[in-house]
Every structure is written in C-alpha cells, then in structure tokens.
Protein backbone atom coordinates (compact mmCIF):
# COMPACT_ATOMS: atom_id res chain seq x y z
CA MET A 1 -0.27 -0.42 0.07
CA ARG A 2 1.31 3.28 -1.00
CA LEU A 3 0.34 7.02 -0.51
CA ILE A 4 0.67 9.28 -3.52
CA ARG A 5 -0.31 12.38 -4.36
CA LEU A 6 -3.53 13.14 -7.04
CA ARG A 7 -5.93 15.26 -7.82
CA ARG A 8 -9.83 14.76 -6.83
CA TYR A 9 -12.57 16.45 -8.01
CA LYS A 10 -15.19 17.10 -6.25
CA GLN A 11 -18.28 19.53 -6.35
CA GLY A 12 -16.69 21.44 -9.78
CA VAL A 13 -13.73 21.80 -8.56
CA TYR A 14 -10.47 20.44 -8.38
CA GLU A 15 -7.84 20.03 -5.14
CA GLU A 16 -4.46 18.17 -4.79
CA VAL A 17 -4.41 15.53 -1.99
CA GLU A 18 -2.67 12.39 -0.98
CA ASP A 19 -4.30 9.67 -1.37
CA TRP A 20 -3.49 5.54 -0.02
CA VAL A 21 -3.64 2.64 -2.87
CA ALA A 22 -2.84 -0.65 -3.46
CA GLU A 23 0.04 -2.44 -4.60
CA GLU A 24 0.12 -4.98 -7.74
CA GLY A 25 3.46 -6.93 -8.45
CA LEU A 26 4.62 -10.47 -10.35
CA LEU A 27 5.09 -13.27 -8.59
CA VAL A 28 6.71 -16.13 -10.59
CA LEU A 29 6.98 -19.55 -8.96
CA ARG A 30 9.22 -22.11 -9.96
CA ILE A 31 8.47 -25.84 -8.58
CA GLU A 32 11.47 -27.99 -9.18
CA GLY A 33 10.38 -30.37 -11.82
CA ALA A 34 7.13 -28.57 -12.73
CA GLY A 35 6.88 -24.74 -15.20
CA ALA A 36 7.26 -21.74 -14.10
CA ARG A 37 3.35 -19.92 -12.39
CA ARG A 38 2.67 -16.22 -12.82
CA PHE A 39 0.23 -14.47 -10.43
CA VAL A 40 -0.80 -10.90 -9.73
CA ILE A 41 -0.67 -10.33 -6.21
CA THR A 42 -0.03 -7.77 -3.55
CA PRO A 43 3.53 -8.04 -2.81
CA GLU A 44 3.18 -8.96 0.62
CA MET A 45 3.11 -12.49 2.92
CA ILE A 46 4.58 -14.65 0.09
CA ARG A 47 5.87 -17.05 1.63
CA GLU A 48 2.80 -18.02 2.73
CA PHE A 49 0.98 -17.66 -0.29
CA VAL A 50 3.37 -19.83 -1.53
CA TYR A 51 2.67 -22.72 0.68
CA GLY A 52 -1.13 -22.05 0.64
CA HIS A 53 -0.81 -22.44 -2.95
CA LEU A 54 1.03 -25.87 -3.16
CA LEU A 55 -1.64 -27.30 -0.09
CA GLY A 56 -4.58 -25.96 -1.98
CA ALA A 57 -3.30 -27.37 -5.56
CA GLY A 58 -3.17 -30.31 -3.98
CA PHE A 59 0.82 -30.35 -3.75
CA ILE A 60 1.17 -30.97 -0.46
CA GLN A 61 -0.13 -31.65 2.62
CA LYS A 62 1.40 -29.99 5.53
CA ALA A 63 4.77 -27.66 5.58
CA SER A 64 7.21 -30.22 5.89
CA GLU A 65 7.04 -31.89 2.44
CA VAL A 66 8.46 -28.63 1.06
CA ALA A 67 12.39 -29.23 0.79
CA SER A 68 13.69 -25.75 0.01
CA TYR A 69 12.31 -22.13 -0.16
CA ARG A 70 14.59 -19.66 -1.32
CA GLU A 71 12.48 -16.48 -2.84
CA ARG A 72 14.30 -12.94 -4.29
CA LEU A 73 13.20 -9.79 -5.14
CA ARG A 74 13.63 -8.16 -8.72
CA PRO A 75 13.33 -4.57 -8.57
CA GLU A 76 14.81 -4.06 -11.78
CA THR A 77 12.28 -5.59 -13.90
CA GLY A 78 9.24 -4.06 -12.01
CA MET A 79 7.06 -2.80 -14.34
CA PRO A 80 4.10 -2.22 -13.75
CA GLY A 81 5.15 -3.43 -10.24
CA GLU A 82 7.91 -5.26 -8.95
CA VAL A 83 8.81 -8.72 -9.34
CA VAL A 84 9.18 -11.52 -6.92
CA GLU A 85 10.82 -14.89 -8.01
CA VAL A 86 10.42 -17.96 -5.63
CA GLU A 87 11.71 -21.51 -6.24
CA VAL A 88 11.22 -24.37 -4.04
CA SER A 89 11.30 -28.17 -4.00
CA LEU A 90 9.09 -30.98 -2.74
CA ARG A 91 10.13 -34.05 -0.84
CA SER A 92 7.69 -36.25 -2.53
CA PRO A 93 7.46 -36.14 -7.34
CA LEU A 94 4.72 -33.69 -8.63
CA GLY A 95 1.57 -35.45 -9.30
CA PRO A 96 -0.19 -34.98 -12.77
CA VAL A 97 -2.95 -32.52 -12.37
CA SER A 98 -2.59 -28.53 -13.04
CA THR A 99 -4.63 -25.90 -11.57
CA GLU A 100 -6.05 -25.30 -14.85
CA GLU A 101 -7.63 -28.83 -14.82
CA VAL A 102 -8.79 -28.85 -11.48
CA ILE A 103 -10.69 -25.61 -11.97
CA TRP A 104 -12.24 -26.55 -14.90
CA ALA A 105 -13.56 -29.94 -13.89
CA ALA A 106 -15.15 -28.25 -10.54
CA CYS A 107 -17.79 -26.79 -12.89
CA GLY A 108 -19.19 -30.70 -13.57
CA ALA A 109 -19.54 -33.79 -11.76
CA GLU A 110 -16.30 -35.14 -12.22
CA VAL A 111 -13.31 -34.41 -10.45
CA PRO A 112 -9.80 -35.06 -12.02
CA GLU A 113 -7.44 -38.07 -12.03
CA GLY A 114 -4.83 -36.94 -8.84
CA TYR A 115 -7.89 -35.27 -7.33
CA SER A 116 -9.28 -38.75 -6.47
CA ARG A 117 -7.97 -38.73 -3.05
CA LEU A 118 -10.20 -35.60 -1.51
CA LYS A 119 -12.26 -37.48 1.21
CA ARG A 120 -16.51 -36.63 1.68
CA LEU A 121 -16.22 -34.30 4.95
CA SER A 122 -18.05 -35.82 7.98
CA PRO A 123 -20.27 -32.85 9.11
CA HIS A 124 -21.25 -32.09 12.89
CA PRO A 125 -22.20 -29.52 14.58
CA LEU A 126 -18.93 -26.69 14.21
CA ILE A 127 -20.29 -23.48 14.68
CA SER A 128 -23.87 -21.78 15.67
CA GLU A 129 -26.28 -19.37 13.61
CA GLN A 130 -25.52 -16.92 15.76
CA GLN A 131 -21.99 -17.13 16.23
CA LEU A 132 -21.67 -17.39 12.13
CA ILE A 133 -23.22 -14.29 11.78
CA ARG A 134 -20.62 -12.10 13.95
CA ILE A 135 -18.22 -12.69 11.51
CA PRO A 136 -18.67 -10.20 8.56
CA LYS A 137 -18.33 -7.71 11.51
CA LEU A 138 -14.85 -9.46 12.97
CA ALA A 139 -13.76 -9.07 9.97
CA ALA A 140 -15.20 -5.32 9.18
CA GLU A 141 -12.57 -4.47 12.06
CA ARG A 142 -9.65 -5.77 10.23
CA SER A 143 -9.99 -4.77 6.90
CA GLU A 144 -8.41 -0.62 7.49
CA ASP A 145 -6.54 -1.21 4.28
CA PHE A 146 -9.62 -1.86 2.35
CA LYS A 147 -11.51 1.49 4.05
CA LEU A 148 -7.95 3.59 3.04
CA THR A 149 -7.75 1.93 -0.74
CA GLY A 150 -11.33 0.40 -1.23
CA ALA A 151 -8.96 -2.06 -3.17
CA TYR A 152 -8.43 -5.20 -1.21
CA HIS A 153 -9.92 -8.86 -1.02
CA TYR A 154 -9.71 -10.14 2.65
CA ALA A 155 -9.73 -13.66 3.75
CA LEU A 156 -9.61 -14.71 7.51
CA LEU A 157 -9.18 -17.96 9.87
CA PHE A 158 -11.42 -18.27 12.44
CA ASP A 159 -11.82 -21.05 15.12
CA PRO A 160 -15.56 -22.16 16.19
CA GLU A 161 -14.58 -20.07 19.60
CA LEU A 162 -14.50 -17.31 16.76
CA ARG A 163 -10.52 -16.56 17.82
CA LEU A 164 -8.63 -15.59 14.70
CA LEU A 165 -6.42 -18.01 13.22
CA ALA A 166 -4.91 -16.01 10.27
CA LEU A 167 -5.53 -13.18 8.19
CA ALA A 168 -5.00 -11.87 4.70
CA LYS A 169 -5.26 -9.43 2.11
CA ASP A 170 -4.84 -9.41 -1.57
CA ILE A 171 -5.98 -7.51 -5.02
CA GLY A 172 -7.52 -10.86 -5.70
CA ARG A 173 -9.54 -13.17 -3.91
CA HIS A 174 -8.11 -16.39 -4.94
CA ASN A 175 -4.57 -14.79 -3.62
CA ALA A 176 -5.86 -13.77 -0.31
CA VAL A 177 -7.15 -17.46 0.45
CA ASP A 178 -3.81 -19.19 -0.30
CA LYS A 179 -2.14 -16.75 1.94
CA VAL A 180 -4.17 -17.39 4.76
CA ILE A 181 -4.56 -20.85 4.66
CA GLY A 182 -0.12 -20.58 4.02
CA GLN A 183 0.02 -18.78 7.24
CA ALA A 184 -1.94 -20.86 9.36
CA LEU A 185 -0.17 -24.06 7.50
CA LEU A 186 3.03 -22.72 8.99
CA ALA A 187 1.55 -21.62 12.64
CA GLY A 188 0.85 -25.08 12.56
CA ALA A 189 -3.00 -24.28 13.39
CA ASP A 190 -6.02 -26.44 13.03
CA LEU A 191 -7.27 -26.43 9.52
CA GLU A 192 -9.97 -29.40 9.99
CA THR A 193 -11.83 -27.38 12.61
CA ALA A 194 -11.17 -23.87 10.89
CA ILE A 195 -13.88 -21.61 9.21
CA LEU A 196 -12.80 -19.90 6.55
CA TYR A 197 -14.22 -16.41 5.38
CA THR A 198 -13.81 -14.57 2.40
CA THR A 199 -14.87 -10.91 1.50
CA GLY A 200 -15.11 -12.32 -2.26
CA ARG A 201 -17.19 -15.28 -4.42
CA VAL A 202 -16.66 -18.84 -3.51
CA THR A 203 -15.58 -20.00 -6.87
CA ALA A 204 -14.80 -23.81 -7.25
CA GLY A 205 -11.26 -23.03 -7.13
CA ILE A 206 -11.58 -21.42 -3.56
CA ALA A 207 -13.57 -24.92 -2.71
CA LEU A 208 -11.33 -26.81 -3.88
CA LYS A 209 -8.64 -24.75 -1.63
CA ALA A 210 -10.52 -25.58 1.25
CA LEU A 211 -11.12 -29.02 0.44
CA GLN A 212 -7.51 -29.79 -0.37
CA ALA A 213 -6.67 -28.04 3.49
CA GLY A 214 -9.35 -29.62 5.03
CA ILE A 215 -11.04 -26.58 5.93
CA PRO A 216 -15.07 -27.78 6.69
CA LEU A 217 -16.68 -24.50 6.28
CA VAL A 218 -16.08 -21.88 3.90
CA ALA A 219 -18.76 -18.40 4.30
CA SER A 220 -18.47 -15.08 2.34
CA ARG A 221 -19.97 -11.59 1.95
CA GLY A 222 -20.98 -12.53 -1.82
CA ALA A 223 -22.29 -15.41 -3.65
CA ALA A 224 -20.93 -18.87 -4.05
CA LEU A 225 -20.55 -19.78 -7.69
CA LEU A 226 -22.56 -22.95 -8.94
CA GLY A 227 -19.39 -25.15 -9.21
CA ALA A 228 -18.48 -24.23 -5.88
CA VAL A 229 -21.99 -25.76 -5.35
CA HIS A 230 -21.30 -29.01 -6.79
CA LEU A 231 -18.00 -29.46 -5.13
CA ALA A 232 -19.75 -28.72 -1.43
CA ARG A 233 -22.57 -31.27 -2.21
CA ARG A 234 -20.23 -33.61 -3.18
CA PHE A 235 -17.65 -33.63 -0.90
CA ARG A 236 -20.29 -32.17 2.33
CA LEU A 237 -18.34 -28.88 2.86
CA GLY A 238 -20.21 -26.36 4.24
CA LEU A 239 -21.04 -23.70 2.05
CA VAL A 240 -22.70 -20.54 2.95
CA GLY A 241 -23.10 -17.50 1.23
CA PHE A 242 -24.42 -13.79 1.39
CA LEU A 243 -23.53 -13.31 4.87
CA ARG A 244 -24.96 -9.89 6.19
CA GLY A 245 -26.73 -8.88 8.92
CA GLU A 246 -28.76 -10.97 10.23
CA ARG A 247 -28.97 -13.70 7.20
CA PHE A 248 -27.25 -15.79 4.97
CA ASN A 249 -27.66 -18.33 1.81
CA LEU A 250 -26.61 -21.81 2.96
CA TYR A 251 -25.45 -23.95 -0.16
CA TRP A 252 -25.13 -26.76 1.88
CA GLY A 253 -23.82 -28.09 5.37
CA ALA A 254 -26.50 -27.93 7.69
CA GLY A 255 -24.72 -30.74 9.82
CA TRP A 256 -22.08 -28.15 10.44
CA LEU A 257 -24.28 -25.40 11.86
CA GLY A 258 -26.25 -25.39 15.38
CA ARG A 259 -23.78 -26.31 17.71
C-alpha cells in the first residue's frame, strides 16, 4: 500500500490530495519438476501465499513436505510493479494434475484424476448460526486497508470460538485465500476445525482450496458459484453465501451448524 499525490474532483473543483493506493506485483513461482507459474499479487506475505497455493493445489499436505524455499526480489524488472521470484523443491514428486484442470473440472460432475484422494467430510456441529453471523463484523474491524484503498479482498480463518487464526489481504480473492491458508499451515493451526471467511465470491477454485486443506466450512459476504456448490454437495463442505446482517444463504452443510 502506497501513499501518492493525486487530483480529486468534487463539486466542480479539483484539489491536490494524498491518498492510499493498493500495490500490485508479479510473483513467479518455480516448482522443481514443473514449469513456472505467474501470479499478479499484492507483494506481501509471499511465503504464506506459496505454501497456501501448494496446499490448495494439492501438491503438499503439510509444510514439512517443502524441501527448500528460496525467494528474491527483482526490482529492476518491476514494470508496472515489483517482481518476486520464488523457487521451491518438494520432498515428493509432483502429481499429474494442473491448476487449470482442477478449476475447470470443478464446474462439472467429475473430479479430475489426481484429486481422487479428496475425501468426503463428516459434518458435525461446529458453530452456531448466532456465532456465524458475527463473523462479518469481526472481519470489518480488521480491514482498515480496504477502508483506505477500496481495493483489497480479505480472507480470515477463525476457530469455532471465533478466535482469529490467520488474516490476509490481496488484490485477488484467490490469492488472499492462499495466503491465509499458508499462514495457518506454517503456524501449525488446526485447519480441520477452521471456518474460512472471504470477502469475495466463492468459486470452485476456492472451494477446492478449502477441501485440499481440510477446512470444513467456507463463508462469504458474496455469492457462491455453481461449481463451488457442486463441490460442496459432493464432498460435504459447508458453504455459506451472502453472510450479511442477520441473514445468509446455506448452499450446503446444515450438519456443520447448530452447535
């Protein structure tokens, strides 16, 4: 986030002001044995993002499966934003599944080969409806940078008692989810009892990230897309949308509520 000078037009008059703007940069992730992956990202919490992406994409199941991690900043190539290069090697060989295959397959009835290890969750009361509707207010109290810029998506992880496990922001909602999962993974948090809250829509890709991480319940202030609903119903993932005020849509997962 940077403070810049700009001209603001209001009621027929320009004035010189300072205002905060969100940053964007390029992350080049090279995984040994695979091609480079490129992400437009808010250039912070890079390590957390990488670990969260590896977990959410099904390449690892725990942090110790990353054998090496090397990160470097390339400011001389930073046009329009800075460039961060990360190289990682894994202790186990990579599977055949690509991120692209996962996202597209989630819109249909089949899960691609390589994701057959996804297990159906076993719902049990995790959080009450009264506790669930408190989450947007708790998130709003921690989103000061959005109030300054209007440009960030947020992802937060809570335990069933609404204690904050991890918090991340990014210009991309998928990036924010990867960051918050990676932060929790590196901290050794219990993801199997965590509630993921995102300020963006819940896509099939985000639902898959939750399933790969073992997160049982995903909630959003926005909508869930059909691919996410298909995944939730197939794998018993709790999926909540339009969580605002005293209401929400429950797409699947009544068994996770009513604690």
